[in-house]
């Protein structure tokens, strides 16, 4: 078996979208699973937007996620000359043409969908076809294709144009049912630009329908009628090659065997199959990935929340967690496992297990998966990460490192994002800032205040050791004394002791704060003016 070669070919024009990097991840996994090559090609032909900053952001993102590539980066702009040369060879061989110019204007170079494509394995006959035409719109036939107006099911005219190749054995009939034109008899002159035709009052056209077809590894067989395709511009009138030409030429020079990309490129694939054939190169195997959608089934975008890799990095997500989650968007290992290492993903990955249906992005699943990665991290490693995140925070400047380690050990399993470490300040400073909305909700009732006062008095007067058991038992007694149901004091107590509405277990938190600091916090909470 020949070596499998895939490529990731982004157009860096800003931040890196999760949809693009998901395609890179699938390419990387496929290459590594098959011990093939994962190439990076930067399609930087948009000179104004493909800045050095954008390219650097792309490379930094790939490095952060561990997407190592093989060989040197291929920058598409470096091959512009070769792209033009390949296009001109197509013209010389009759596969491309310049449309007639108007008023001396330059025209683009256009690739012609081949009239004779019987030898192209991707093209097949789909049977005889007939289209009802609007007699009020002329039918035009020339070297650039065929233009007409088709009648919709409701009888309304719909303007259409197609490549000549879409109408093999074409016969055109007028409103009286008489045959007025047969394309086969004139095709030589039409292709050479020596003849063009215009017909009025035509009612129908009959032809042999042909279609281009390929078997997508993910989506199965896909086909497109040639009469729904147009000839393709490959070099603009300003002399620059278009995406299609550059893309196919670079796939050839990089000897790409499999093209794995988003399913928004399916329409491009039909055209690229003809370009590969014209350049005498075997068509690679294609796998089109399902799009990433929001809860409404619409393409996921910035409007739905974080959509760029940099957003997740800044929020405190770990590279391995994001990599793991994106690998599961549209693919599964075939069992119930969700948390998988890179080595496990490489071992299990196959394109055949990629689903063809759109993949819904669920931020809560990613959030919880990131928490799993943090929870399973060696405690020392987690502590170092946490310290690095908060080392510039004012409250950590005089913090005892040993105490910080104890806090980190308490909160590690409860931390979902590493940036949440910045919320640990209440352990290290007694200048607690209260969430007043949460305080009013939880501390405003008299029975709650009474319970906290009872607990405060108990802590202050007791000579018992300040253990977890003692803290919980005294909390239960305070609830009973104030007439509260068991457990109803926990959340108010959390607000009173930390100022926050979320955190570690309240008894463990109070035990970590210690008796003296807890008493001071409870007194401060009871003194809050919550009536405003």
Protein backbone atom coordinates (compact mmCIF):
# COMPACT_ATOMS: atom_id res chain seq x y z
CA UNK A 1 0.00 0.00 0.00
CA UNK A 2 1.32 3.43 -0.93
CA UNK A 3 1.93 5.93 1.85
CA UNK A 4 -1.13 7.87 2.90
CA UNK A 5 -0.60 11.61 2.56
CA UNK A 6 -3.09 14.18 3.84
CA UNK A 7 -2.89 17.91 4.14
CA UNK A 8 -4.38 20.70 6.24
CA UNK A 9 -4.75 23.71 3.96
CA UNK A 10 -6.15 26.70 5.88
CA UNK A 11 -6.46 30.24 4.58
CA UNK A 12 -5.21 32.22 7.59
CA UNK A 13 -7.12 35.48 7.62
CA UNK A 14 -7.61 35.96 11.36
CA UNK A 15 -8.42 33.75 14.32
CA UNK A 16 -8.63 29.98 13.92
CA UNK A 17 -12.23 28.66 14.00
CA UNK A 18 -12.95 25.40 15.80
CA UNK A 19 -14.42 24.00 12.56
CA UNK A 20 -11.12 24.47 10.75
CA UNK A 21 -9.03 23.02 13.56
CA UNK A 22 -11.42 20.06 13.86
CA UNK A 23 -10.60 19.29 10.20
CA UNK A 24 -6.89 19.51 11.06
CA UNK A 25 -7.39 17.12 13.98
CA UNK A 26 -9.17 14.55 11.81
CA UNK A 27 -6.44 14.77 9.15
CA UNK A 28 -3.74 14.41 11.82
CA UNK A 29 -5.43 11.41 13.45
CA UNK A 30 -5.95 9.69 10.09
CA UNK A 31 -2.31 10.21 9.09
CA UNK A 32 -0.91 9.09 12.43
CA UNK A 33 -3.20 6.03 12.60
CA UNK A 34 -2.04 4.93 9.15
CA UNK A 35 1.59 5.93 9.73
CA UNK A 36 1.29 8.38 6.86
CA UNK A 37 2.22 12.05 6.41
CA UNK A 38 0.34 15.09 7.68
CA UNK A 39 1.30 18.11 5.58
CA UNK A 40 0.61 21.77 6.23
CA UNK A 41 -0.18 24.04 3.31
CA UNK A 42 -0.89 27.70 3.98
CA UNK A 43 -3.23 29.03 1.28
CA UNK A 44 -2.13 32.62 1.66
CA UNK A 45 -3.34 34.02 -1.65
CA UNK A 46 -5.52 36.63 0.09
CA UNK A 47 -2.55 38.98 0.50
CA UNK A 48 -4.41 41.68 2.43
CA UNK A 49 -5.83 39.31 5.07
CA UNK A 50 -3.21 36.55 5.17
CA UNK A 51 -0.88 38.62 7.33
CA UNK A 52 2.15 37.40 9.26
CA UNK A 53 0.13 37.85 12.45
CA UNK A 54 -2.64 35.59 11.11
CA UNK A 55 -0.16 32.92 10.03
CA UNK A 56 1.67 33.11 13.38
CA UNK A 57 -1.68 32.71 15.18
CA UNK A 58 -2.39 29.59 13.12
CA UNK A 59 1.00 28.04 13.86
CA UNK A 60 0.75 28.90 17.56
CA UNK A 61 -2.68 27.29 17.71
CA UNK A 62 -1.44 24.10 16.03
CA UNK A 63 1.58 23.95 18.31
CA UNK A 64 -0.61 24.41 21.40
CA UNK A 65 -2.83 21.50 20.34
CA UNK A 66 0.14 19.27 19.46
CA UNK A 67 -0.68 19.10 15.75
CA UNK A 68 2.84 18.47 14.51
CA UNK A 69 3.18 18.39 10.73
CA UNK A 70 5.65 16.58 8.48
CA UNK A 71 8.12 18.31 6.19
CA UNK A 72 8.21 22.01 5.40
CA UNK A 73 5.20 24.30 5.20
CA UNK A 74 4.07 24.92 1.62
CA UNK A 75 3.00 28.54 1.13
CA UNK A 76 0.65 28.73 -1.83
CA UNK A 77 1.84 32.12 -3.01
CA UNK A 78 5.29 30.62 -3.61
CA UNK A 79 3.83 28.48 -6.41
CA UNK A 80 1.79 31.08 -8.30
CA UNK A 81 4.03 30.74 -11.36
CA UNK A 82 3.50 26.98 -11.49
CA UNK A 83 -0.26 27.45 -11.14
CA UNK A 84 -0.33 29.78 -14.16
CA UNK A 85 1.85 27.44 -16.20
CA UNK A 86 -0.49 24.52 -15.50
CA UNK A 87 -3.49 26.62 -16.51
CA UNK A 88 -1.85 27.66 -19.79
CA UNK A 89 -1.06 24.02 -20.57
CA UNK A 90 -4.77 23.35 -20.19
CA UNK A 91 -5.48 26.03 -22.77
CA UNK A 92 -2.91 24.57 -25.16
CA UNK A 93 -4.49 21.12 -24.82
CA UNK A 94 -7.98 22.48 -25.47
CA UNK A 95 -9.22 22.14 -21.91
CA UNK A 96 -9.46 25.88 -21.29
CA UNK A 97 -10.40 28.97 -23.27
CA UNK A 98 -10.64 32.74 -23.11
CA UNK A 99 -14.25 33.94 -23.52
CA UNK A 100 -14.91 36.63 -26.14
CA UNK A 101 -13.69 40.01 -24.91
CA UNK A 102 -15.87 43.11 -24.80
CA UNK A 103 -14.41 46.49 -25.71
CA UNK A 104 -10.86 45.21 -25.48
CA UNK A 105 -11.20 44.14 -21.83
CA UNK A 106 -9.09 41.28 -20.58
CA UNK A 107 -10.99 38.09 -19.96
CA UNK A 108 -10.34 35.29 -17.50
CA UNK A 109 -9.06 31.89 -18.51
CA UNK A 110 -11.89 29.37 -18.18
CA UNK A 111 -11.63 25.60 -17.72
CA UNK A 112 -14.10 23.75 -19.92
CA UNK A 113 -15.95 20.78 -18.45
CA UNK A 114 -14.88 18.25 -21.14
CA UNK A 115 -17.36 17.54 -23.89
CA UNK A 116 -15.79 14.15 -24.46
CA UNK A 117 -15.60 12.71 -20.96
CA UNK A 118 -16.41 9.08 -21.64
CA UNK A 119 -12.87 8.17 -20.60
CA UNK A 120 -13.21 9.90 -17.24
CA UNK A 121 -14.17 7.18 -14.77
CA UNK A 122 -15.97 9.67 -12.52
CA UNK A 123 -18.52 10.51 -15.23
CA UNK A 124 -21.49 8.28 -16.00
CA UNK A 125 -24.66 8.41 -18.06
CA UNK A 126 -27.80 9.07 -16.05
CA UNK A 127 -30.33 8.49 -18.85
CA UNK A 128 -32.38 10.66 -21.16
CA UNK A 129 -33.71 13.92 -19.74
CA UNK A 130 -36.15 16.62 -20.80
CA UNK A 131 -36.58 20.18 -19.56
CA UNK A 132 -39.59 22.41 -20.20
CA UNK A 133 -38.51 25.87 -21.30
CA UNK A 134 -40.03 29.32 -21.06
CA UNK A 135 -40.72 30.31 -24.70
CA UNK A 136 -40.41 33.99 -23.77
CA UNK A 137 -36.68 33.64 -23.08
CA UNK A 138 -34.22 32.99 -25.94
CA UNK A 139 -32.02 29.89 -25.80
CA UNK A 140 -28.37 30.87 -26.35
CA UNK A 141 -25.67 28.40 -27.38
CA UNK A 142 -22.01 29.38 -27.72
CA UNK A 143 -18.54 28.26 -26.64
CA UNK A 144 -19.15 29.38 -23.05
CA UNK A 145 -22.21 27.17 -22.61
CA UNK A 146 -25.98 27.19 -22.86
CA UNK A 147 -28.34 29.79 -21.40
CA UNK A 148 -32.11 29.36 -21.11
CA UNK A 149 -35.10 29.78 -18.80
CA UNK A 150 -36.55 26.64 -17.28
CA UNK A 151 -40.18 26.48 -16.24
CA UNK A 152 -40.70 25.79 -12.55
CA UNK A 153 -43.44 23.47 -11.27
CA UNK A 154 -45.62 26.56 -10.88
CA UNK A 155 -44.90 27.60 -14.47
CA UNK A 156 -42.60 30.51 -13.60
CA UNK A 157 -39.43 31.06 -15.67
CA UNK A 158 -36.14 30.31 -13.86
CA UNK A 159 -32.99 31.62 -15.57
CA UNK A 160 -30.27 28.98 -15.95
CA UNK A 161 -26.95 28.48 -17.64
CA UNK A 162 -24.83 25.37 -18.03
CA UNK A 163 -21.66 24.03 -19.54
CA UNK A 164 -21.95 22.51 -23.03
CA UNK A 165 -20.96 19.12 -21.64
CA UNK A 166 -24.19 18.98 -19.67
CA UNK A 167 -26.22 18.64 -22.87
CA UNK A 168 -24.87 15.70 -24.82
CA UNK A 169 -27.21 14.70 -27.70
CA UNK A 170 -29.13 17.93 -27.16
CA UNK A 171 -32.28 18.48 -29.24
CA UNK A 172 -34.17 21.74 -29.06
CA UNK A 173 -37.88 22.02 -29.91
CA UNK A 174 -40.04 25.07 -30.58
CA UNK A 175 -43.54 25.70 -29.23
CA UNK A 176 -45.04 23.83 -32.16
CA UNK A 177 -43.06 20.73 -31.24
CA UNK A 178 -40.69 21.01 -34.20
CA UNK A 179 -37.01 20.17 -33.87
CA UNK A 180 -35.03 23.38 -34.45
CA UNK A 181 -31.50 22.49 -33.33
CA UNK A 182 -29.20 19.52 -32.67
CA UNK A 183 -26.06 20.38 -30.79
CA UNK A 184 -24.11 17.29 -31.91
CA UNK A 185 -24.15 18.55 -35.53
CA UNK A 186 -22.59 21.91 -34.60
CA UNK A 187 -20.49 21.06 -31.56
CA UNK A 188 -17.12 21.28 -33.32
CA UNK A 189 -17.70 24.86 -34.49
CA UNK A 190 -19.26 25.85 -31.17
CA UNK A 191 -16.31 24.53 -29.16
CA UNK A 192 -13.89 26.36 -31.46
CA UNK A 193 -15.81 29.61 -31.02
CA UNK A 194 -16.68 29.70 -34.71
CA UNK A 195 -20.43 29.44 -34.26
CA UNK A 196 -23.05 30.64 -31.81
CA UNK A 197 -26.82 30.33 -31.87
CA UNK A 198 -29.92 32.02 -30.49
CA UNK A 199 -33.40 30.53 -30.65
CA UNK A 200 -36.73 32.14 -29.75
CA UNK A 201 -40.02 30.52 -28.78
CA UNK A 202 -38.56 27.20 -27.61
CA UNK A 203 -40.66 24.90 -25.42
CA UNK A 204 -38.40 22.01 -24.45
CA UNK A 205 -34.94 20.51 -24.70
CA UNK A 206 -34.06 16.82 -24.70
CA UNK A 207 -30.59 15.49 -23.95
CA UNK A 208 -28.54 12.66 -22.51
CA UNK A 209 -27.91 13.53 -18.88
CA UNK A 210 -24.43 12.80 -17.55
CA UNK A 211 -23.23 13.25 -14.01
CA UNK A 212 -19.95 13.38 -12.15
CA UNK A 213 -19.87 10.93 -9.27
CA UNK A 214 -17.50 9.94 -6.47
CA UNK A 215 -17.67 7.77 -3.37
CA UNK A 216 -17.07 9.82 -0.27
CA UNK A 217 -15.57 7.82 2.60
CA UNK A 218 -18.02 9.45 5.02
CA UNK A 219 -21.08 10.36 2.95
CA UNK A 220 -21.10 7.49 0.49
CA UNK A 221 -21.87 8.03 -3.18
CA UNK A 222 -22.37 11.65 -4.24
CA UNK A 223 -23.29 12.78 -7.75
CA UNK A 224 -23.99 16.01 -9.61
CA UNK A 225 -25.56 16.36 -13.10
CA UNK A 226 -23.30 18.11 -15.59
CA UNK A 227 -26.25 20.20 -16.76
CA UNK A 228 -26.18 21.86 -13.30
CA UNK A 229 -22.51 22.84 -13.70
CA UNK A 230 -20.77 25.71 -15.45
CA UNK A 231 -17.31 26.00 -16.92
CA UNK A 232 -14.87 27.18 -14.27
CA UNK A 233 -12.66 30.27 -14.15
CA UNK A 234 -9.11 29.14 -13.30
CA UNK A 235 -7.16 32.37 -13.91
CA UNK A 236 -8.71 35.76 -13.26
CA UNK A 237 -8.59 38.52 -15.82
CA UNK A 238 -5.81 40.16 -13.77
CA UNK A 239 -3.65 37.07 -14.31
CA UNK A 240 -3.91 35.55 -10.82
CA UNK A 241 -4.93 31.90 -10.35
CA UNK A 242 -8.15 31.15 -8.47
CA UNK A 243 -8.49 28.86 -5.46
CA UNK A 244 -9.57 25.84 -7.50
CA UNK A 245 -6.52 25.87 -9.76
CA UNK A 246 -4.02 26.48 -6.98
CA UNK A 247 -5.65 23.95 -4.68
CA UNK A 248 -5.54 21.09 -7.19
CA UNK A 249 -2.03 21.91 -8.44
CA UNK A 250 -0.70 21.89 -4.88
CA UNK A 251 -2.47 18.64 -4.04
CA UNK A 252 -0.67 17.14 -7.01
CA UNK A 253 2.78 18.50 -6.11
CA UNK A 254 2.32 17.29 -2.52
CA UNK A 255 1.12 13.87 -3.77
CA UNK A 256 -1.98 14.00 -1.60
CA UNK A 257 -3.84 10.69 -1.45
CA UNK A 258 -6.77 11.63 0.81
CA UNK A 259 -8.54 14.97 1.11
CA UNK A 260 -10.39 15.38 4.42
CA UNK A 261 -12.24 18.66 4.70
CA UNK A 262 -15.61 20.19 5.63
CA UNK A 263 -18.70 19.28 3.68
CA UNK A 264 -19.06 22.88 2.54
CA UNK A 265 -16.44 21.86 -0.04
CA UNK A 266 -18.51 19.10 -1.68
CA UNK A 267 -19.48 21.38 -4.59
CA UNK A 268 -15.81 22.19 -5.13
CA UNK A 269 -14.97 18.50 -5.27
CA UNK A 270 -17.15 17.92 -8.33
CA UNK A 271 -15.14 20.58 -10.18
CA UNK A 272 -11.78 19.46 -8.84
CA UNK A 273 -12.32 15.93 -10.14
CA UNK A 274 -12.27 17.35 -13.68
CA UNK A 275 -9.17 19.44 -12.95
CA UNK A 276 -7.29 16.40 -11.64
CA UNK A 277 -8.27 14.51 -14.78
CA UNK A 278 -7.14 17.35 -17.06
CA UNK A 279 -3.79 17.44 -15.24
CA UNK A 280 -3.49 13.64 -15.61
CA UNK A 281 -3.37 12.91 -11.88
CA UNK A 282 -5.37 10.21 -10.04
CA UNK A 283 -8.25 11.75 -8.12
CA UNK A 284 -7.55 11.51 -4.36
CA UNK A 285 -10.05 9.85 -2.06
CA UNK A 286 -12.39 12.34 -0.42
CA UNK A 287 -13.92 12.47 3.04
CA UNK A 288 -16.20 15.42 3.78
CA UNK A 289 -16.71 16.13 7.47
CA UNK A 290 -20.11 17.08 8.86
CA UNK A 291 -20.47 20.70 9.85
CA UNK A 292 -20.46 21.82 13.48
CA UNK A 293 -23.86 23.26 14.44
CA UNK A 294 -25.50 25.00 17.40
CA UNK A 295 -28.51 23.76 19.37
CA UNK A 296 -30.81 25.00 16.59
CA UNK A 297 -28.96 23.04 13.92
CA UNK A 298 -27.44 26.17 12.35
CA UNK A 299 -23.70 26.48 11.58
CA UNK A 300 -21.87 27.25 14.82
CA UNK A 301 -20.50 30.78 14.90
CA UNK A 302 -19.26 33.49 17.25
CA UNK A 303 -22.88 34.46 17.87
CA UNK A 304 -23.35 31.12 19.64
CA UNK A 305 -20.44 31.69 22.04
CA UNK A 306 -16.73 31.02 21.86
CA UNK A 307 -15.91 29.85 18.33
CA UNK A 308 -12.18 30.40 17.99
CA UNK A 309 -9.44 28.22 19.44
CA UNK A 310 -7.88 31.24 21.11
CA UNK A 311 -11.13 31.92 22.98
CA UNK A 312 -11.01 28.53 24.67
CA UNK A 313 -7.34 28.85 25.49
CA UNK A 314 -7.90 32.23 27.12
CA UNK A 315 -10.87 30.92 29.11
CA UNK A 316 -8.70 28.25 30.72
CA UNK A 317 -9.38 25.13 28.65
CA UNK A 318 -6.53 22.66 28.30
CA UNK A 319 -5.23 21.75 24.87
CA UNK A 320 -5.69 18.00 25.42
CA UNK A 321 -9.28 18.49 26.58
CA UNK A 322 -10.20 20.65 23.58
CA UNK A 323 -8.43 18.23 21.23
CA UNK A 324 -10.30 15.29 22.79
CA UNK A 325 -13.67 17.04 22.57
CA UNK A 326 -13.27 18.21 18.96
CA UNK A 327 -12.18 14.70 17.94
CA UNK A 328 -15.56 13.46 19.20
CA UNK A 329 -17.53 16.02 17.16
CA UNK A 330 -18.75 13.75 14.39
CA UNK A 331 -16.69 10.69 15.35
CA UNK A 332 -16.86 8.09 18.09
CA UNK A 333 -14.62 5.16 19.08
CA UNK A 334 -17.55 2.74 18.94
CA UNK A 335 -18.06 2.45 22.69
CA UNK A 336 -19.10 4.71 25.56
CA UNK A 337 -15.67 6.21 26.19
CA UNK A 338 -15.37 9.96 25.87
CA UNK A 339 -12.13 10.86 27.62
CA UNK A 340 -9.36 9.55 25.38
CA UNK A 341 -5.67 10.34 25.22
CA UNK A 342 -4.04 11.30 21.93
CA UNK A 343 -2.45 7.84 21.73
CA UNK A 344 -5.85 6.20 22.20
CA UNK A 345 -7.44 8.47 19.61
CA UNK A 346 -4.69 7.66 17.10
CA UNK A 347 -5.09 3.94 17.69
CA UNK A 348 -8.89 3.95 17.35
CA UNK A 349 -9.46 6.56 14.64
CA UNK A 350 -11.00 5.65 11.30
CA UNK A 351 -12.86 7.73 8.76
CA UNK A 352 -15.47 5.00 8.44
CA UNK A 353 -16.69 5.83 11.95
CA UNK A 354 -17.19 9.52 11.15
CA UNK A 355 -20.90 10.33 11.09
CA UNK A 356 -22.38 12.13 8.10
CA UNK A 357 -24.93 14.07 10.17
CA UNK A 358 -24.03 17.52 11.55
CA UNK A 359 -22.26 17.51 14.92
CA UNK A 360 -23.76 19.69 17.66
CA UNK A 361 -21.32 21.67 19.78
CA UNK A 362 -22.17 21.36 23.48
CA UNK A 363 -20.17 23.75 25.65
CA UNK A 364 -21.29 21.96 28.84
CA UNK A 365 -19.75 18.69 27.66
CA UNK A 366 -16.49 20.44 26.87
CA UNK A 367 -16.62 22.23 30.23
CA UNK A 368 -17.05 18.96 32.12
CA UNK A 369 -14.44 17.17 30.02
CA UNK A 370 -11.94 19.89 30.84
CA UNK A 371 -12.77 19.34 34.51
CA UNK A 372 -11.96 15.64 34.11
CA UNK A 373 -8.54 16.48 32.69
CA UNK A 374 -7.85 18.81 35.62
CA UNK A 375 -9.13 16.33 38.20
CA UNK A 376 -6.91 13.51 36.88
CA UNK A 377 -3.81 15.68 36.66
CA UNK A 378 -1.04 14.88 39.20
CA UNK A 379 -1.64 17.09 42.21
CA UNK A 380 1.77 18.72 41.99
CA UNK A 381 1.29 19.53 38.33
CA UNK A 382 -2.13 21.03 38.99
CA UNK A 383 -0.73 23.15 41.81
CA UNK A 384 2.02 24.51 39.59
CA UNK A 385 -0.49 25.36 36.86
CA UNK A 386 -2.72 27.04 39.42
CA UNK A 387 0.16 29.03 40.93
CA UNK A 388 1.27 30.19 37.50
CA UNK A 389 -2.26 31.46 36.76
CA UNK A 390 -2.57 33.54 39.95
CA UNK A 391 1.02 34.58 40.63
CA UNK A 392 0.31 38.16 39.61
CA UNK A 393 -2.93 38.44 41.65
CA UNK A 394 -2.61 40.87 44.61
CA UNK A 395 -3.94 38.34 47.12
CA UNK A 396 -1.24 35.79 46.34
CA UNK A 397 1.75 38.07 46.87
CA UNK A 398 2.08 37.18 50.57
CA UNK A 399 0.45 33.77 50.35
CA UNK A 400 2.03 30.79 52.06
CA UNK A 401 2.93 28.28 49.34
CA UNK A 402 2.17 25.32 51.61
CA UNK A 403 -1.28 26.70 52.37
CA UNK A 404 -1.79 27.28 48.63
CA UNK A 405 -0.96 23.61 48.03
CA UNK A 406 -3.61 22.58 50.57
CA UNK A 407 -6.21 24.81 48.91
CA UNK A 408 -5.28 23.44 45.50
CA UNK A 409 -5.66 19.87 46.77
CA UNK A 410 -9.13 20.73 48.11
CA UNK A 411 -10.35 22.43 44.95
CA UNK A 412 -8.67 20.42 42.19
CA UNK A 413 -11.54 17.99 41.65
CA UNK A 414 -14.04 20.87 41.67
CA UNK A 415 -12.17 23.08 39.19
CA UNK A 416 -13.47 22.96 35.61
CA UNK A 417 -11.32 25.73 34.12
CA UNK A 418 -7.80 26.54 35.27
CA UNK A 419 -8.70 30.24 35.19
CA UNK A 420 -11.21 29.59 38.00
CA UNK A 421 -8.17 29.56 40.28
CA UNK A 422 -8.41 33.35 40.23
CA UNK A 423 -11.57 33.01 42.33
CA UNK A 424 -9.67 31.45 45.25
CA UNK A 425 -8.83 34.81 46.78
CA UNK A 426 -11.21 34.37 49.73
CA UNK A 427 -8.84 31.76 51.16
CA UNK A 428 -5.92 34.20 51.20
CA UNK A 429 -7.43 37.54 52.16
CA UNK A 430 -10.06 38.51 54.70
CA UNK A 431 -11.13 41.46 52.60
CA UNK A 432 -14.03 39.39 51.26
CA UNK A 433 -16.15 40.84 48.49
CA UNK A 434 -19.73 39.61 48.77
CA UNK A 435 -21.98 38.77 45.85
CA UNK A 436 -24.75 41.08 47.08
CA UNK A 437 -27.42 39.50 44.90
CA UNK A 438 -26.58 36.07 46.33
CA UNK A 439 -26.27 37.57 49.83
CA UNK A 440 -29.75 39.12 49.70
CA UNK A 441 -31.21 35.86 48.48
CA UNK A 442 -29.48 33.64 51.04
CA UNK A 443 -28.85 35.84 54.08
CA UNK A 444 -31.84 38.16 54.11
CA UNK A 445 -34.28 35.98 56.08
CA UNK A 446 -34.44 36.23 59.86
CA UNK A 447 -34.40 32.48 60.47
CA UNK A 448 -31.19 32.19 58.44
CA UNK A 449 -29.60 35.08 60.32
CA UNK A 450 -30.61 33.48 63.60
CA UNK A 451 -29.07 30.17 62.56
CA UNK A 452 -25.80 31.83 61.59
CA UNK A 453 -25.73 33.71 64.89
CA UNK A 454 -26.29 30.46 66.78
CA UNK A 455 -23.47 28.79 64.85
CA UNK A 456 -21.17 31.77 65.37
CA UNK A 457 -21.78 31.70 69.14
CA UNK A 458 -21.19 27.96 69.20
CA UNK A 459 -17.86 28.29 67.37
CA UNK A 460 -16.77 31.15 69.63
CA UNK A 461 -17.62 29.48 72.92
CA UNK A 462 -16.62 25.91 72.20
CA UNK A 463 -13.27 24.52 73.29
CA UNK A 464 -13.68 21.42 71.13
CA UNK A 465 -11.25 20.72 68.31
CA UNK A 466 -12.33 22.50 65.10
CA UNK A 467 -12.77 19.33 63.02
CA UNK A 468 -14.95 18.59 60.01
CA UNK A 469 -17.23 16.50 62.20
CA UNK A 470 -17.55 19.30 64.75
CA UNK A 471 -18.35 21.88 62.03
CA UNK A 472 -21.06 19.71 60.49
CA UNK A 473 -22.62 18.73 63.84
CA UNK A 474 -22.79 22.36 65.02
CA UNK A 475 -24.31 23.42 61.69
CA UNK A 476 -27.07 20.80 62.10
CA UNK A 477 -27.73 22.02 65.68
CA UNK A 478 -27.94 25.66 64.49
CA UNK A 479 -30.46 24.69 61.79
CA UNK A 480 -32.62 22.83 64.34
CA UNK A 481 -32.47 25.71 66.82
CA UNK A 482 -33.56 28.24 64.14
CA UNK A 483 -36.26 25.98 62.74
CA UNK A 484 -34.52 25.28 59.41
CA UNK A 485 -34.67 21.98 57.58
CA UNK A 486 -31.46 19.96 57.50
CA UNK A 487 -29.05 21.27 54.86
CA UNK A 488 -30.82 24.61 54.40
CA UNK A 489 -28.00 26.51 56.10
CA UNK A 490 -25.26 25.21 53.80
CA UNK A 491 -25.61 27.73 50.98
CA UNK A 492 -26.15 30.78 53.22
CA UNK A 493 -23.13 29.63 55.21
CA UNK A 494 -21.08 29.46 52.03
CA UNK A 495 -22.05 33.02 51.12
CA UNK A 496 -21.28 34.23 54.63
CA UNK A 497 -17.88 32.53 54.83
CA UNK A 498 -16.57 33.12 51.29
CA UNK A 499 -18.73 35.75 49.60
CA UNK A 500 -19.23 33.29 46.72
CA UNK A 501 -22.12 31.04 45.71
CA UNK A 502 -19.97 28.14 44.45
CA UNK A 503 -16.90 26.34 45.72
CA UNK A 504 -15.72 23.27 47.56
CA UNK A 505 -17.77 21.55 50.26
CA UNK A 506 -18.71 24.18 52.82
CA UNK A 507 -17.48 22.16 55.82
CA UNK A 508 -14.11 21.52 54.15
CA UNK A 509 -13.93 25.22 53.23
CA UNK A 510 -14.62 26.39 56.76
CA UNK A 511 -12.14 23.87 58.13
CA UNK A 512 -9.51 25.22 55.70
CA UNK A 513 -10.25 28.82 56.76
CA UNK A 514 -9.93 27.91 60.42
CA UNK A 515 -11.97 28.86 63.48
CA UNK A 516 -10.79 32.44 64.00
CA UNK A 517 -11.19 33.53 60.37
CA UNK A 518 -14.57 31.81 60.04
CA UNK A 519 -15.94 33.60 63.11
CA UNK A 520 -14.78 36.94 61.67
CA UNK A 521 -16.42 36.15 58.31
CA UNK A 522 -19.73 35.23 59.93
CA UNK A 523 -19.76 38.44 61.97
CA UNK A 524 -19.08 40.48 58.84
CA UNK A 525 -21.84 38.73 56.92
CA UNK A 526 -24.36 39.41 59.68
CA UNK A 527 -23.43 43.10 59.63
CA UNK A 528 -24.18 43.50 55.93
CA UNK A 529 -26.92 45.97 55.04
CA UNK A 530 -29.15 43.88 52.80
CA UNK A 531 -32.23 46.12 52.90
CA UNK A 532 -31.20 48.42 50.02
